[in-house]
Amino acid sequence: MSDLDARQVAQRIDTVLDILVAGDTHSAINNLEILKAELLAQARNEQENKSGPDKSPWEI
């Protein structure tokens, strides 16, 4: 299963919101891009783990 922690993601979003409130939009966007990349990488890894070979190596 996924080791995605919803609370950790929510905390990181709260941090980005705090940065936005402080007026540093560049840092907020940068943090969102980092978070997005991490989530996509995790989803990609999970997809690769799920799509294993269905046949045994000796089957043609």
Protein backbone atom coordinates (compact mmCIF):
# COMPACT_ATOMS: atom_id res chain seq x y z
CA MET A 1 0.00 0.00 0.00
CA SER A 2 0.99 3.62 -0.13
CA ASP A 3 3.22 5.15 2.49
CA LEU A 4 1.64 8.52 1.73
CA ASP A 5 0.92 10.30 4.98
CA ALA A 6 -2.06 12.60 4.55
CA ARG A 7 -1.21 14.52 7.72
CA GLN A 8 2.31 15.23 6.50
CA VAL A 9 0.97 16.46 3.15
CA ALA A 10 -1.54 18.65 4.98
CA GLN A 11 1.24 20.11 7.14
CA ARG A 12 3.31 20.90 4.08
CA ILE A 13 0.31 22.60 2.46
CA ASP A 14 -0.17 24.63 5.64
CA THR A 15 3.48 25.68 5.41
CA VAL A 16 2.95 26.83 1.84
CA LEU A 17 -0.13 28.77 2.91
CA ASP A 18 1.88 30.44 5.68
CA ILE A 19 4.53 31.41 3.13
CA LEU A 20 1.83 32.88 0.88
CA VAL A 21 0.36 34.88 3.76
CA ALA A 22 3.83 36.22 4.45
CA GLY A 23 3.91 37.46 0.86
CA ASP A 24 6.69 35.26 -0.54
CA THR A 25 4.90 33.87 -3.57
CA HIS A 26 8.11 32.68 -5.23
CA SER A 27 9.00 30.42 -2.30
CA ALA A 28 5.42 29.18 -2.03
CA ILE A 29 5.34 28.20 -5.70
CA ASN A 30 8.75 26.55 -5.38
CA ASN A 31 7.56 24.51 -2.38
CA LEU A 32 4.41 23.45 -4.24
CA GLU A 33 6.49 22.33 -7.21
CA ILE A 34 8.70 20.26 -4.92
CA LEU A 35 5.69 18.68 -3.23
CA LYS A 36 4.09 17.92 -6.60
CA ALA A 37 7.28 16.29 -7.89
CA GLU A 38 7.56 14.13 -4.78
CA LEU A 39 3.94 13.01 -5.01
CA LEU A 40 4.25 12.20 -8.72
CA ALA A 41 7.45 10.24 -8.12
CA GLN A 42 5.76 8.25 -5.37
CA ALA A 43 2.74 7.55 -7.60
CA ARG A 44 5.06 6.48 -10.43
CA ASN A 45 6.93 4.10 -8.10
CA GLU A 46 3.66 2.59 -6.89
CA GLN A 47 2.47 2.13 -10.45
CA GLU A 48 5.72 0.40 -11.42
CA ASN A 49 5.42 -1.94 -8.44
CA LYS A 50 1.84 -2.86 -9.39
CA SER A 51 2.55 -3.53 -13.06
CA GLY A 52 4.76 -6.56 -12.61
CA PRO A 53 4.88 -9.38 -15.12
CA ASP A 54 1.67 -11.42 -15.21
CA LYS A 55 3.28 -14.45 -16.81
CA SER A 56 6.07 -16.62 -15.53
CA PRO A 57 9.40 -16.04 -17.29
CA TRP A 58 9.22 -19.45 -18.98
CA GLU A 59 5.82 -18.81 -20.61
CA ILE A 60 5.68 -17.59 -24.18
